[in-house]
Amino acid sequence: MAVQGFPARVGAVESYPEVDIVINELSRQGVTGVHLMPLMLVAGDHAINDMASDEDDSWKTRFNAAGIPATPWLNRIRGESGGAGDVCRPSAAGAERHDGEAA
């Protein structure tokens, strides 16, 4: 995304790139604020606790501590509307369970 000039970055909870890598990159680029949005179909716990909470280790807190004000967005989590949810819902509706029965 950065190579294309698109002003978005992806970070991962419990994977790569970790939030510290993203924070360091954005700090070097002089970014003055971020919007945090979950990119998950089932994001409840991670989005609320790991990304948007006021806990010391949340992404919001870590960005703010690095001098980059962070605004979390928790609407549209869990594939509720638009984007990936619109693509996945029709596929999931026709899916079969592992035992061959209709879901």
C-alpha atoms as a PDB file:
ATOM      1  CA  MET A   1       0.000   0.000   0.000  1.00  0.00           C
ATOM      2  CA  ALA A   2       2.801   2.404   0.840  1.00  0.00           C
ATOM      3  CA  VAL A   3       4.470   1.806  -2.523  1.00  0.00           C
ATOM      4  CA  GLN A   4       1.223   2.731  -4.280  1.00  0.00           C
ATOM      5  CA  GLY A   5       0.908   5.908  -2.193  1.00  0.00           C
ATOM      6  CA  PHE A   6      -2.247   4.615  -0.491  1.00  0.00           C
ATOM      7  CA  PRO A   7      -2.413   6.119   3.007  1.00  0.00           C
ATOM      8  CA  ALA A   8      -3.157   2.883   4.872  1.00  0.00           C
ATOM      9  CA  ARG A   9      -1.085   0.325   6.719  1.00  0.00           C
ATOM     10  CA  VAL A  10      -1.928  -3.121   8.030  1.00  0.00           C
ATOM     11  CA  GLY A  11      -0.738  -4.368  11.395  1.00  0.00           C
ATOM     12  CA  ALA A  12      -1.451  -7.708  13.009  1.00  0.00           C
ATOM     13  CA  VAL A  13      -2.383  -8.924  16.455  1.00  0.00           C
ATOM     14  CA  GLU A  14      -0.302 -11.998  17.302  1.00  0.00           C
ATOM     15  CA  SER A  15       1.420 -11.995  13.886  1.00  0.00           C
ATOM     16  CA  TYR A  16       3.544  -9.805  11.566  1.00  0.00           C
ATOM     17  CA  PRO A  17       3.824  -6.885  11.331  1.00  0.00           C
ATOM     18  CA  GLU A  18       3.367  -6.164  14.994  1.00  0.00           C
ATOM     19  CA  VAL A  19       2.054  -2.776  16.038  1.00  0.00           C
ATOM     20  CA  ASP A  20       5.508  -1.552  17.136  1.00  0.00           C
ATOM     21  CA  ILE A  21       6.794  -1.976  13.579  1.00  0.00           C
ATOM     22  CA  VAL A  22       3.862   0.033  12.226  1.00  0.00           C
ATOM     23  CA  ILE A  23       4.316   2.744  14.872  1.00  0.00           C
ATOM     24  CA  ASN A  24       8.032   3.069  14.098  1.00  0.00           C
ATOM     25  CA  GLU A  25       7.383   3.298  10.358  1.00  0.00           C
ATOM     26  CA  LEU A  26       4.688   5.941  10.766  1.00  0.00           C
ATOM     27  CA  SER A  27       6.824   7.919  13.239  1.00  0.00           C
ATOM     28  CA  ARG A  28       9.703   7.995  10.731  1.00  0.00           C
ATOM     29  CA  GLN A  29       7.272   9.251   8.082  1.00  0.00           C
ATOM     30  CA  GLY A  30       6.064  12.075  10.329  1.00  0.00           C
ATOM     31  CA  VAL A  31       2.459  10.865  10.477  1.00  0.00           C
ATOM     32  CA  THR A  32       0.443  13.094  12.815  1.00  0.00           C
ATOM     33  CA  GLY A  33      -2.589  10.888  13.481  1.00  0.00           C
ATOM     34  CA  VAL A  34      -4.132   7.523  12.654  1.00  0.00           C
ATOM     35  CA  HIS A  35      -7.530   5.862  12.436  1.00  0.00           C
ATOM     36  CA  LEU A  36      -7.555   2.291  13.736  1.00  0.00           C
ATOM     37  CA  MET A  37     -10.012  -0.044  12.010  1.00  0.00           C
ATOM     38  CA  PRO A  38     -10.296  -3.819  12.395  1.00  0.00           C
ATOM     39  CA  LEU A  39      -9.793  -5.803   9.204  1.00  0.00           C
ATOM     40  CA  MET A  40     -11.367  -8.998  10.509  1.00  0.00           C
ATOM     41  CA  LEU A  41     -14.678 -10.769  10.067  1.00  0.00           C
ATOM     42  CA  VAL A  42     -14.800 -11.817  13.721  1.00  0.00           C
ATOM     43  CA  ALA A  43     -12.994  -9.012  15.491  1.00  0.00           C
ATOM     44  CA  GLY A  44     -14.916  -8.412  18.705  1.00  0.00           C
ATOM     45  CA  ASP A  45     -12.378  -9.217  21.441  1.00  0.00           C
ATOM     46  CA  HIS A  46      -9.245  -8.230  19.505  1.00  0.00           C
ATOM     47  CA  ALA A  47     -10.787  -5.026  18.186  1.00  0.00           C
ATOM     48  CA  ILE A  48     -12.154  -3.927  21.523  1.00  0.00           C
ATOM     49  CA  ASN A  49      -9.351  -5.022  23.873  1.00  0.00           C
ATOM     50  CA  ASP A  50      -6.183  -5.126  21.771  1.00  0.00           C
ATOM     51  CA  MET A  51      -6.906  -2.213  19.451  1.00  0.00           C
ATOM     52  CA  ALA A  52      -9.280   0.279  21.044  1.00  0.00           C
ATOM     53  CA  SER A  53      -9.152  -0.024  24.842  1.00  0.00           C
ATOM     54  CA  ASP A  54      -7.427   2.268  27.309  1.00  0.00           C
ATOM     55  CA  GLU A  55      -5.232  -0.598  28.558  1.00  0.00           C
ATOM     56  CA  ASP A  56      -1.468   0.022  28.595  1.00  0.00           C
ATOM     57  CA  ASP A  57      -0.822  -2.458  25.782  1.00  0.00           C
ATOM     58  CA  SER A  58      -3.657  -1.501  23.406  1.00  0.00           C
ATOM     59  CA  TRP A  59      -2.808  -0.115  19.982  1.00  0.00           C
ATOM     60  CA  LYS A  60      -4.612   3.127  20.771  1.00  0.00           C
ATOM     61  CA  THR A  61      -2.556   3.647  23.927  1.00  0.00           C
ATOM     62  CA  ARG A  62       0.709   2.709  22.211  1.00  0.00           C
ATOM     63  CA  PHE A  63       0.129   5.049  19.261  1.00  0.00           C
ATOM     64  CA  ASN A  64      -0.826   7.879  21.621  1.00  0.00           C
ATOM     65  CA  ALA A  65       2.285   7.250  23.745  1.00  0.00           C
ATOM     66  CA  ALA A  66       4.399   7.479  20.582  1.00  0.00           C
ATOM     67  CA  GLY A  67       2.938  10.918  19.872  1.00  0.00           C
ATOM     68  CA  ILE A  68       0.587   9.734  17.132  1.00  0.00           C
ATOM     69  CA  PRO A  69      -3.020  10.388  18.183  1.00  0.00           C
ATOM     70  CA  ALA A  70      -5.138   7.313  17.434  1.00  0.00           C
ATOM     71  CA  THR A  71      -8.884   7.191  16.798  1.00  0.00           C
ATOM     72  CA  PRO A  72     -10.333   3.667  16.905  1.00  0.00           C
ATOM     73  CA  TRP A  73     -13.383   2.798  14.814  1.00  0.00           C
ATOM     74  CA  LEU A  74     -15.386  -0.158  16.081  1.00  0.00           C
ATOM     75  CA  ASN A  75     -18.345   0.035  13.732  1.00  0.00           C
ATOM     76  CA  ARG A  76     -18.518  -2.543  10.959  1.00  0.00           C
ATOM     77  CA  ILE A  77     -16.709  -5.235  12.920  1.00  0.00           C
ATOM     78  CA  ARG A  78     -17.643  -8.895  12.519  1.00  0.00           C
ATOM     79  CA  GLY A  79     -18.390  -8.480   8.807  1.00  0.00           C
ATOM     80  CA  GLU A  80     -21.571  -6.606   9.709  1.00  0.00           C
ATOM     81  CA  SER A  81     -21.915  -4.531   6.567  1.00  0.00           C
ATOM     82  CA  GLY A  82     -20.083  -3.584   3.437  1.00  0.00           C
ATOM     83  CA  GLY A  83     -16.790  -4.800   2.076  1.00  0.00           C
ATOM     84  CA  ALA A  84     -15.707  -8.303   3.036  1.00  0.00           C
ATOM     85  CA  GLY A  85     -18.981  -9.033   4.802  1.00  0.00           C
ATOM     86  CA  ASP A  86     -20.917  -8.552   1.567  1.00  0.00           C
ATOM     87  CA  VAL A  87     -18.585 -10.986  -0.193  1.00  0.00           C
ATOM     88  CA  CYS A  88     -18.537 -13.648   2.519  1.00  0.00           C
ATOM     89  CA  ARG A  89     -22.201 -13.773   3.532  1.00  0.00           C
ATOM     90  CA  PRO A  90     -23.463 -15.326   0.254  1.00  0.00           C
ATOM     91  CA  SER A  91     -20.668 -17.917   0.341  1.00  0.00           C
ATOM     92  CA  ALA A  92     -21.322 -18.773   3.979  1.00  0.00           C
ATOM     93  CA  ALA A  93     -25.054 -19.126   3.331  1.00  0.00           C
ATOM     94  CA  GLY A  94     -24.394 -21.950   0.874  1.00  0.00           C
ATOM     95  CA  ALA A  95     -21.629 -23.628   2.846  1.00  0.00           C
ATOM     96  CA  GLU A  96     -21.905 -27.214   4.028  1.00  0.00           C
ATOM     97  CA  ARG A  97     -20.839 -28.486   7.395  1.00  0.00           C
ATOM     98  CA  HIS A  98     -17.918 -30.900   7.567  1.00  0.00           C
ATOM     99  CA  ASP A  99     -20.307 -33.897   7.841  1.00  0.00           C
ATOM    100  CA  GLY A 100     -21.956 -33.020   4.504  1.00  0.00           C
ATOM    101  CA  GLU A 101     -25.143 -31.617   6.019  1.00  0.00           C
ATOM    102  CA  ALA A 102     -26.287 -28.163   4.903  1.00  0.00           C
ATOM    103  CA  ALA A 103     -25.190 -25.450   7.294  1.00  0.00           C
END
